[in-house]
Amino acid sequence: MADKKESKTIRFLGLSIPLLLMGYVLSIGPLVALTYDADMKSHNPQIEKFLIRFYAPLTWVADQNAYLGQAFISYIEFCRGSEITDAD
């Protein structure tokens, strides 16, 4: 009986951890689209600070790899429905 319970727990963790990680990565696009306007100005600075901290590991990975960085920006642009341009 204990073996059956252990296998269910292992199966649950084996499925839930990858799904949660995928949800974390995919959630940045919609949250950026909801938080920023067309000029990439934040609607709420407190939410912006939270997003910057919460997604710091993801942005660090994107900064370390050019391919992942471009995929990261493309995904955010897709979710926003517009291109991100530099204000410089």
PDB file of N, CA and C in Angstrom:
ATOM      1  N   MET A   1       0.818  -1.186   0.000  1.00  0.00           N
ATOM      2  CA  MET A   1       0.000   0.000   0.000  1.00  0.00           C
ATOM      3  C   MET A   1       0.869   1.260   0.000  1.00  0.00           C
ATOM      4  N   ALA A   2       1.942   1.259   0.773  1.00  0.00           N
ATOM      5  CA  ALA A   2       2.831   2.418   0.843  1.00  0.00           C
ATOM      6  C   ALA A   2       3.539   2.643  -0.487  1.00  0.00           C
ATOM      7  N   ASP A   3       3.872   1.522  -1.182  1.00  0.00           N
ATOM      8  CA  ASP A   3       4.518   1.653  -2.482  1.00  0.00           C
ATOM      9  C   ASP A   3       3.607   2.341  -3.487  1.00  0.00           C
ATOM     10  N   LYS A   4       2.326   2.033  -3.441  1.00  0.00           N
ATOM     11  CA  LYS A   4       1.368   2.631  -4.361  1.00  0.00           C
ATOM     12  C   LYS A   4       1.241   4.132  -4.101  1.00  0.00           C
ATOM     13  N   LYS A   5       1.230   4.521  -2.832  1.00  0.00           N
ATOM     14  CA  LYS A   5       1.131   5.934  -2.475  1.00  0.00           C
ATOM     15  C   LYS A   5       2.393   6.679  -2.900  1.00  0.00           C
ATOM     16  N   GLU A   6       3.558   6.073  -2.723  1.00  0.00           N
ATOM     17  CA  GLU A   6       4.818   6.688  -3.141  1.00  0.00           C
ATOM     18  C   GLU A   6       4.844   6.900  -4.638  1.00  0.00           C
ATOM     19  N   SER A   7       4.385   5.911  -5.405  1.00  0.00           N
ATOM     20  CA  SER A   7       4.414   6.043  -6.858  1.00  0.00           C
ATOM     21  C   SER A   7       3.459   7.141  -7.334  1.00  0.00           C
ATOM     22  N   LYS A   8       2.315   7.307  -6.665  1.00  0.00           N
ATOM     23  CA  LYS A   8       1.396   8.379  -7.026  1.00  0.00           C
ATOM     24  C   LYS A   8       2.021   9.742  -6.728  1.00  0.00           C
ATOM     25  N   THR A   9       2.709   9.842  -5.598  1.00  0.00           N
ATOM     26  CA  THR A   9       3.363  11.093  -5.237  1.00  0.00           C
ATOM     27  C   THR A   9       4.469  11.432  -6.224  1.00  0.00           C
ATOM     28  N   ILE A  10       5.273  10.456  -6.572  1.00  0.00           N
ATOM     29  CA  ILE A  10       6.352  10.669  -7.528  1.00  0.00           C
ATOM     30  C   ILE A  10       5.794  11.050  -8.893  1.00  0.00           C
ATOM     31  N   ARG A  11       4.738  10.400  -9.318  1.00  0.00           N
ATOM     32  CA  ARG A  11       4.109  10.718 -10.601  1.00  0.00           C
ATOM     33  C   ARG A  11       3.533  12.137 -10.578  1.00  0.00           C
ATOM     34  N   PHE A  12       2.881  12.494  -9.467  1.00  0.00           N
ATOM     35  CA  PHE A  12       2.327  13.844  -9.336  1.00  0.00           C
ATOM     36  C   PHE A  12       3.427  14.897  -9.423  1.00  0.00           C
ATOM     37  N   LEU A  13       4.525  14.699  -8.683  1.00  0.00           N
ATOM     38  CA  LEU A  13       5.634  15.645  -8.720  1.00  0.00           C
ATOM     39  C   LEU A  13       6.306  15.670 -10.089  1.00  0.00           C
ATOM     40  N   GLY A  14       6.416  14.505 -10.697  1.00  0.00           N
ATOM     41  CA  GLY A  14       7.028  14.406 -12.017  1.00  0.00           C
ATOM     42  C   GLY A  14       6.248  15.161 -13.076  1.00  0.00           C
ATOM     43  N   LEU A  15       4.953  15.281 -12.902  1.00  0.00           N
ATOM     44  CA  LEU A  15       4.129  16.029 -13.853  1.00  0.00           C
ATOM     45  C   LEU A  15       3.967  17.494 -13.454  1.00  0.00           C
ATOM     46  N   SER A  16       3.793  17.745 -12.176  1.00  0.00           N
ATOM     47  CA  SER A  16       3.486  19.114 -11.752  1.00  0.00           C
ATOM     48  C   SER A  16       4.682  20.054 -11.818  1.00  0.00           C
ATOM     49  N   ILE A  17       5.861  19.586 -11.505  1.00  0.00           N
ATOM     50  CA  ILE A  17       7.033  20.472 -11.523  1.00  0.00           C
ATOM     51  C   ILE A  17       7.329  20.983 -12.936  1.00  0.00           C
ATOM     52  N   PRO A  18       7.389  20.136 -13.961  1.00  0.00           N
ATOM     53  CA  PRO A  18       7.597  20.676 -15.311  1.00  0.00           C
ATOM     54  C   PRO A  18       6.463  21.592 -15.774  1.00  0.00           C
ATOM     55  N   LEU A  19       5.229  21.277 -15.403  1.00  0.00           N
ATOM     56  CA  LEU A  19       4.108  22.130 -15.794  1.00  0.00           C
ATOM     57  C   LEU A  19       4.175  23.493 -15.109  1.00  0.00           C
ATOM     58  N   LEU A  20       4.557  23.519 -13.843  1.00  0.00           N
ATOM     59  CA  LEU A  20       4.713  24.789 -13.144  1.00  0.00           C
ATOM     60  C   LEU A  20       5.850  25.620 -13.734  1.00  0.00           C
ATOM     61  N   LEU A  21       6.948  24.984 -14.087  1.00  0.00           N
ATOM     62  CA  LEU A  21       8.056  25.708 -14.710  1.00  0.00           C
ATOM     63  C   LEU A  21       7.652  26.265 -16.069  1.00  0.00           C
ATOM     64  N   MET A  22       6.927  25.492 -16.839  1.00  0.00           N
ATOM     65  CA  MET A  22       6.464  25.959 -18.139  1.00  0.00           C
ATOM     66  C   MET A  22       5.474  27.115 -17.965  1.00  0.00           C
ATOM     67  N   GLY A  23       4.607  27.022 -16.962  1.00  0.00           N
ATOM     68  CA  GLY A  23       3.673  28.103 -16.673  1.00  0.00           C
ATOM     69  C   GLY A  23       4.394  29.375 -16.271  1.00  0.00           C
ATOM     70  N   TYR A  24       5.465  29.244 -15.497  1.00  0.00           N
ATOM     71  CA  TYR A  24       6.271  30.402 -15.088  1.00  0.00           C
ATOM     72  C   TYR A  24       6.868  31.095 -16.308  1.00  0.00           C
ATOM     73  N   VAL A  25       7.457  30.321 -17.192  1.00  0.00           N
ATOM     74  CA  VAL A  25       8.092  30.895 -18.379  1.00  0.00           C
ATOM     75  C   VAL A  25       7.050  31.531 -19.298  1.00  0.00           C
ATOM     76  N   LEU A  26       5.930  30.861 -19.512  1.00  0.00           N
ATOM     77  CA  LEU A  26       4.918  31.372 -20.435  1.00  0.00           C
ATOM     78  C   LEU A  26       4.087  32.514 -19.857  1.00  0.00           C
ATOM     79  N   SER A  27       4.111  32.703 -18.552  1.00  0.00           N
ATOM     80  CA  SER A  27       3.279  33.745 -17.943  1.00  0.00           C
ATOM     81  C   SER A  27       3.843  35.150 -18.127  1.00  0.00           C
ATOM     82  N   ILE A  28       5.105  35.276 -18.488  1.00  0.00           N
ATOM     83  CA  ILE A  28       5.689  36.608 -18.589  1.00  0.00           C
ATOM     84  C   ILE A  28       5.064  37.424 -19.715  1.00  0.00           C
ATOM     85  N   GLY A  29       4.758  36.819 -20.835  1.00  0.00           N
ATOM     86  CA  GLY A  29       4.191  37.554 -21.968  1.00  0.00           C
ATOM     87  C   GLY A  29       2.865  38.222 -21.641  1.00  0.00           C
ATOM     88  N   PRO A  30       1.869  37.468 -21.172  1.00  0.00           N
ATOM     89  CA  PRO A  30       0.592  38.104 -20.829  1.00  0.00           C
ATOM     90  C   PRO A  30       0.712  39.135 -19.706  1.00  0.00           C
ATOM     91  N   LEU A  31       1.577  38.889 -18.718  1.00  0.00           N
ATOM     92  CA  LEU A  31       1.724  39.849 -17.626  1.00  0.00           C
ATOM     93  C   LEU A  31       2.369  41.145 -18.096  1.00  0.00           C
ATOM     94  N   VAL A  32       3.327  41.068 -18.988  1.00  0.00           N
ATOM     95  CA  VAL A  32       3.927  42.287 -19.546  1.00  0.00           C
ATOM     96  C   VAL A  32       2.886  43.031 -20.374  1.00  0.00           C
ATOM     97  N   ALA A  33       2.095  42.299 -21.142  1.00  0.00           N
ATOM     98  CA  ALA A  33       1.054  42.935 -21.956  1.00  0.00           C
ATOM     99  C   ALA A  33       0.029  43.647 -21.086  1.00  0.00           C
ATOM    100  N   LEU A  34      -0.280  43.104 -19.921  1.00  0.00           N
ATOM    101  CA  LEU A  34      -1.247  43.735 -19.026  1.00  0.00           C
ATOM    102  C   LEU A  34      -0.650  44.888 -18.219  1.00  0.00           C
ATOM    103  N   THR A  35       0.642  44.833 -17.964  1.00  0.00           N
ATOM    104  CA  THR A  35       1.286  45.814 -17.085  1.00  0.00           C
ATOM    105  C   THR A  35       1.734  47.069 -17.826  1.00  0.00           C
ATOM    106  N   TYR A  36       2.160  46.932 -19.074  1.00  0.00           N
ATOM    107  CA  TYR A  36       2.715  48.062 -19.809  1.00  0.00           C
ATOM    108  C   TYR A  36       1.774  48.500 -20.924  1.00  0.00           C
ATOM    109  N   ASP A  37       1.845  49.812 -21.237  1.00  0.00           N
ATOM    110  CA  ASP A  37       1.044  50.321 -22.346  1.00  0.00           C
ATOM    111  C   ASP A  37       1.848  50.222 -23.641  1.00  0.00           C
ATOM    112  N   ALA A  38       1.368  50.839 -24.707  1.00  0.00           N
ATOM    113  CA  ALA A  38       2.009  50.734 -26.021  1.00  0.00           C
ATOM    114  C   ALA A  38       3.408  51.341 -26.040  1.00  0.00           C
ATOM    115  N   ASP A  39       3.663  52.316 -25.176  1.00  0.00           N
ATOM    116  CA  ASP A  39       4.982  52.955 -25.115  1.00  0.00           C
ATOM    117  C   ASP A  39       5.903  52.311 -24.087  1.00  0.00           C
ATOM    118  N   MET A  40       5.530  51.134 -23.589  1.00  0.00           N
ATOM    119  CA  MET A  40       6.272  50.400 -22.565  1.00  0.00           C
ATOM    120  C   MET A  40       6.404  51.197 -21.279  1.00  0.00           C
ATOM    121  N   LYS A  41       5.381  51.977 -20.957  1.00  0.00           N
ATOM    122  CA  LYS A  41       5.322  52.672 -19.672  1.00  0.00           C
ATOM    123  C   LYS A  41       4.403  51.878 -18.761  1.00  0.00           C
ATOM    124  N   SER A  42       4.829  51.710 -17.532  1.00  0.00           N
ATOM    125  CA  SER A  42       4.090  50.896 -16.586  1.00  0.00           C
ATOM    126  C   SER A  42       2.826  51.603 -16.112  1.00  0.00           C
ATOM    127  N   HIS A  43       1.740  50.837 -15.999  1.00  0.00           N
ATOM    128  CA  HIS A  43       0.499  51.354 -15.439  1.00  0.00           C
ATOM    129  C   HIS A  43       0.618  51.494 -13.919  1.00  0.00           C
ATOM    130  N   ASN A  44       1.398  50.618 -13.313  1.00  0.00           N
ATOM    131  CA  ASN A  44       1.534  50.599 -11.862  1.00  0.00           C
ATOM    132  C   ASN A  44       2.986  50.271 -11.506  1.00  0.00           C
ATOM    133  N   PRO A  45       3.740  51.239 -10.972  1.00  0.00           N
ATOM    134  CA  PRO A  45       5.157  50.999 -10.661  1.00  0.00           C
ATOM    135  C   PRO A  45       5.395  49.880  -9.643  1.00  0.00           C
ATOM    136  N   GLN A  46       4.456  49.666  -8.717  1.00  0.00           N
ATOM    137  CA  GLN A  46       4.639  48.595  -7.734  1.00  0.00           C
ATOM    138  C   GLN A  46       4.572  47.227  -8.401  1.00  0.00           C
ATOM    139  N   ILE A  47       3.667  47.071  -9.333  1.00  0.00           N
ATOM    140  CA  ILE A  47       3.581  45.800 -10.066  1.00  0.00           C
ATOM    141  C   ILE A  47       4.826  45.616 -10.918  1.00  0.00           C
ATOM    142  N   GLU A  48       5.320  46.695 -11.505  1.00  0.00           N
ATOM    143  CA  GLU A  48       6.533  46.617 -12.318  1.00  0.00           C
ATOM    144  C   GLU A  48       7.712  46.127 -11.480  1.00  0.00           C
ATOM    145  N   LYS A  49       7.875  46.660 -10.268  1.00  0.00           N
ATOM    146  CA  LYS A  49       8.960  46.220  -9.387  1.00  0.00           C
ATOM    147  C   LYS A  49       8.829  44.733  -9.057  1.00  0.00           C
ATOM    148  N   PHE A  50       7.605  44.293  -8.784  1.00  0.00           N
ATOM    149  CA  PHE A  50       7.384  42.883  -8.492  1.00  0.00           C
ATOM    150  C   PHE A  50       7.747  42.022  -9.698  1.00  0.00           C
ATOM    151  N   LEU A  51       7.307  42.421 -10.895  1.00  0.00           N
ATOM    152  CA  LEU A  51       7.599  41.638 -12.100  1.00  0.00           C
ATOM    153  C   LEU A  51       9.095  41.560 -12.367  1.00  0.00           C
ATOM    154  N   ILE A  52       9.788  42.661 -12.156  1.00  0.00           N
ATOM    155  CA  ILE A  52      11.241  42.662 -12.379  1.00  0.00           C
ATOM    156  C   ILE A  52      11.921  41.671 -11.444  1.00  0.00           C
ATOM    157  N   ARG A  53      11.517  41.651 -10.187  1.00  0.00           N
ATOM    158  CA  ARG A  53      12.110  40.703  -9.223  1.00  0.00           C
ATOM    159  C   ARG A  53      11.686  39.269  -9.501  1.00  0.00           C
ATOM    160  N   PHE A  54      10.409  39.069  -9.780  1.00  0.00           N
ATOM    161  CA  PHE A  54       9.877  37.724  -9.975  1.00  0.00           C
ATOM    162  C   PHE A  54      10.478  37.050 -11.211  1.00  0.00           C
ATOM    163  N   TYR A  55      10.677  37.829 -12.265  1.00  0.00           N
ATOM    164  CA  TYR A  55      11.206  37.269 -13.511  1.00  0.00           C
ATOM    165  C   TYR A  55      12.710  37.487 -13.670  1.00  0.00           C
ATOM    166  N   ALA A  56      13.420  37.871 -12.627  1.00  0.00           N
ATOM    167  CA  ALA A  56      14.863  38.079 -12.707  1.00  0.00           C
ATOM    168  C   ALA A  56      15.624  36.837 -13.197  1.00  0.00           C
ATOM    169  N   PRO A  57      15.299  35.630 -12.708  1.00  0.00           N
ATOM    170  CA  PRO A  57      16.017  34.457 -13.241  1.00  0.00           C
ATOM    171  C   PRO A  57      15.794  34.256 -14.735  1.00  0.00           C
ATOM    172  N   LEU A  58      14.596  34.521 -15.188  1.00  0.00           N
ATOM    173  CA  LEU A  58      14.274  34.347 -16.606  1.00  0.00           C
ATOM    174  C   LEU A  58      14.988  35.395 -17.462  1.00  0.00           C
ATOM    175  N   THR A  59      15.011  36.632 -17.004  1.00  0.00           N
ATOM    176  CA  THR A  59      15.701  37.675 -17.767  1.00  0.00           C
ATOM    177  C   THR A  59      17.215  37.459 -17.738  1.00  0.00           C
ATOM    178  N   TRP A  60      17.731  36.906 -16.650  1.00  0.00           N
ATOM    179  CA  TRP A  60      19.165  36.613 -16.598  1.00  0.00           C
ATOM    180  C   TRP A  60      19.532  35.566 -17.652  1.00  0.00           C
ATOM    181  N   VAL A  61      18.735  34.526 -17.751  1.00  0.00           N
ATOM    182  CA  VAL A  61      18.988  33.490 -18.762  1.00  0.00           C
ATOM    183  C   VAL A  61      18.899  34.086 -20.157  1.00  0.00           C
ATOM    184  N   ALA A  62      17.913  34.949 -20.397  1.00  0.00           N
ATOM    185  CA  ALA A  62      17.758  35.583 -21.708  1.00  0.00           C
ATOM    186  C   ALA A  62      18.942  36.490 -22.030  1.00  0.00           C
ATOM    187  N   ASP A  63      19.509  37.140 -21.026  1.00  0.00           N
ATOM    188  CA  ASP A  63      20.679  37.999 -21.243  1.00  0.00           C
ATOM    189  C   ASP A  63      21.937  37.197 -21.547  1.00  0.00           C
ATOM    190  N   GLN A  64      22.009  35.971 -21.064  1.00  0.00           N
ATOM    191  CA  GLN A  64      23.203  35.149 -21.240  1.00  0.00           C
ATOM    192  C   GLN A  64      23.260  34.449 -22.598  1.00  0.00           C
ATOM    193  N   ASN A  65      22.128  34.342 -23.278  1.00  0.00           N
ATOM    194  CA  ASN A  65      22.069  33.598 -24.529  1.00  0.00           C
ATOM    195  C   ASN A  65      21.327  34.441 -25.563  1.00  0.00           C
ATOM    196  N   ALA A  66      21.989  34.768 -26.660  1.00  0.00           N
ATOM    197  CA  ALA A  66      21.393  35.639 -27.677  1.00  0.00           C
ATOM    198  C   ALA A  66      20.135  35.015 -28.288  1.00  0.00           C
ATOM    199  N   TYR A  67      20.175  33.714 -28.563  1.00  0.00           N
ATOM    200  CA  TYR A  67      19.018  33.052 -29.163  1.00  0.00           C
ATOM    201  C   TYR A  67      17.822  33.075 -28.214  1.00  0.00           C
ATOM    202  N   LEU A  68      18.044  32.725 -26.957  1.00  0.00           N
ATOM    203  CA  LEU A  68      16.954  32.742 -25.981  1.00  0.00           C
ATOM    204  C   LEU A  68      16.467  34.168 -25.724  1.00  0.00           C
ATOM    205  N   GLY A  69      17.380  35.128 -25.730  1.00  0.00           N
ATOM    206  CA  GLY A  69      16.998  36.518 -25.547  1.00  0.00           C
ATOM    207  C   GLY A  69      16.074  37.001 -26.650  1.00  0.00           C
ATOM    208  N   GLN A  70      16.396  36.632 -27.892  1.00  0.00           N
ATOM    209  CA  GLN A  70      15.545  37.024 -29.015  1.00  0.00           C
ATOM    210  C   GLN A  70      14.194  36.311 -28.952  1.00  0.00           C
ATOM    211  N   ALA A  71      14.196  35.048 -28.560  1.00  0.00           N
ATOM    212  CA  ALA A  71      12.934  34.313 -28.416  1.00  0.00           C
ATOM    213  C   ALA A  71      12.082  34.928 -27.303  1.00  0.00           C
ATOM    214  N   PHE A  72      12.711  35.342 -26.248  1.00  0.00           N
ATOM    215  CA  PHE A  72      12.062  35.982 -25.119  1.00  0.00           C
ATOM    216  C   PHE A  72      11.357  37.273 -25.568  1.00  0.00           C
ATOM    217  N   ILE A  73      12.075  38.128 -26.294  1.00  0.00           N
ATOM    218  CA  ILE A  73      11.512  39.390 -26.778  1.00  0.00           C
ATOM    219  C   ILE A  73      10.409  39.127 -27.799  1.00  0.00           C
ATOM    220  N   SER A  74      10.618  38.167 -28.689  1.00  0.00           N
ATOM    221  CA  SER A  74       9.592  37.843 -29.686  1.00  0.00           C
ATOM    222  C   SER A  74       8.310  37.352 -29.033  1.00  0.00           C
ATOM    223  N   TYR A  75       8.429  36.562 -27.991  1.00  0.00           N
ATOM    224  CA  TYR A  75       7.248  36.061 -27.290  1.00  0.00           C
ATOM    225  C   TYR A  75       6.490  37.201 -26.615  1.00  0.00           C
ATOM    226  N   ILE A  76       7.218  38.122 -25.982  1.00  0.00           N
ATOM    227  CA  ILE A  76       6.575  39.276 -25.342  1.00  0.00           C
ATOM    228  C   ILE A  76       5.892  40.145 -26.396  1.00  0.00           C
ATOM    229  N   GLU A  77       6.557  40.364 -27.528  1.00  0.00           N
ATOM    230  CA  GLU A  77       5.945  41.139 -28.610  1.00  0.00           C
ATOM    231  C   GLU A  77       4.690  40.454 -29.139  1.00  0.00           C
ATOM    232  N   PHE A  78       4.731  39.141 -29.261  1.00  0.00           N
ATOM    233  CA  PHE A  78       3.566  38.389 -29.700  1.00  0.00           C
ATOM    234  C   PHE A  78       2.395  38.590 -28.739  1.00  0.00           C
ATOM    235  N   CYS A  79       2.663  38.518 -27.441  1.00  0.00           N
ATOM    236  CA  CYS A  79       1.609  38.684 -26.443  1.00  0.00           C
ATOM    237  C   CYS A  79       1.084  40.117 -26.400  1.00  0.00           C
ATOM    238  N   ARG A  80       1.949  41.081 -26.630  1.00  0.00           N
ATOM    239  CA  ARG A  80       1.526  42.481 -26.628  1.00  0.00           C
ATOM    240  C   ARG A  80       0.813  42.858 -27.906  1.00  0.00           C
ATOM    241  N   GLY A  81       1.097  42.166 -28.982  1.00  0.00           N
ATOM    242  CA  GLY A  81       0.503  42.486 -30.264  1.00  0.00           C
ATOM    243  C   GLY A  81       1.218  43.626 -30.968  1.00  0.00           C
ATOM    244  N   SER A  82       2.377  44.009 -30.468  1.00  0.00           N
ATOM    245  CA  SER A  82       3.155  45.070 -31.110  1.00  0.00           C
ATOM    246  C   SER A  82       4.634  44.863 -30.829  1.00  0.00           C
ATOM    247  N   GLU A  83       5.425  45.534 -31.626  1.00  0.00           N
ATOM    248  CA  GLU A  83       6.870  45.421 -31.523  1.00  0.00           C
ATOM    249  C   GLU A  83       7.402  46.301 -30.393  1.00  0.00           C
ATOM    250  N   ILE A  84       8.423  45.828 -29.711  1.00  0.00           N
ATOM    251  CA  ILE A  84       9.075  46.622 -28.663  1.00  0.00           C
ATOM    252  C   ILE A  84      10.154  47.445 -29.349  1.00  0.00           C
ATOM    253  N   THR A  85      10.080  48.757 -29.197  1.00  0.00           N
ATOM    254  CA  THR A  85      11.069  49.635 -29.811  1.00  0.00           C
ATOM    255  C   THR A  85      11.823  50.373 -28.715  1.00  0.00           C
ATOM    256  N   ASP A  86      13.069  50.735 -29.023  1.00  0.00           N
ATOM    257  CA  ASP A  86      13.874  51.524 -28.084  1.00  0.00           C
ATOM    258  C   ASP A  86      13.419  52.959 -28.139  1.00  0.00           C
ATOM    259  N   ALA A  87      13.311  53.581 -26.987  1.00  0.00           N
ATOM    260  CA  ALA A  87      12.887  54.977 -26.910  1.00  0.00           C
ATOM    261  C   ALA A  87      14.047  55.947 -27.066  1.00  0.00           C
ATOM    262  N   ASP A  88      15.245  55.454 -27.356  1.00  0.00           N
ATOM    263  CA  ASP A  88      16.432  56.310 -27.483  1.00  0.00           C
ATOM    264  C   ASP A  88      16.362  57.178 -28.692  1.00  0.00           C
TER     265      ASP A  88
END
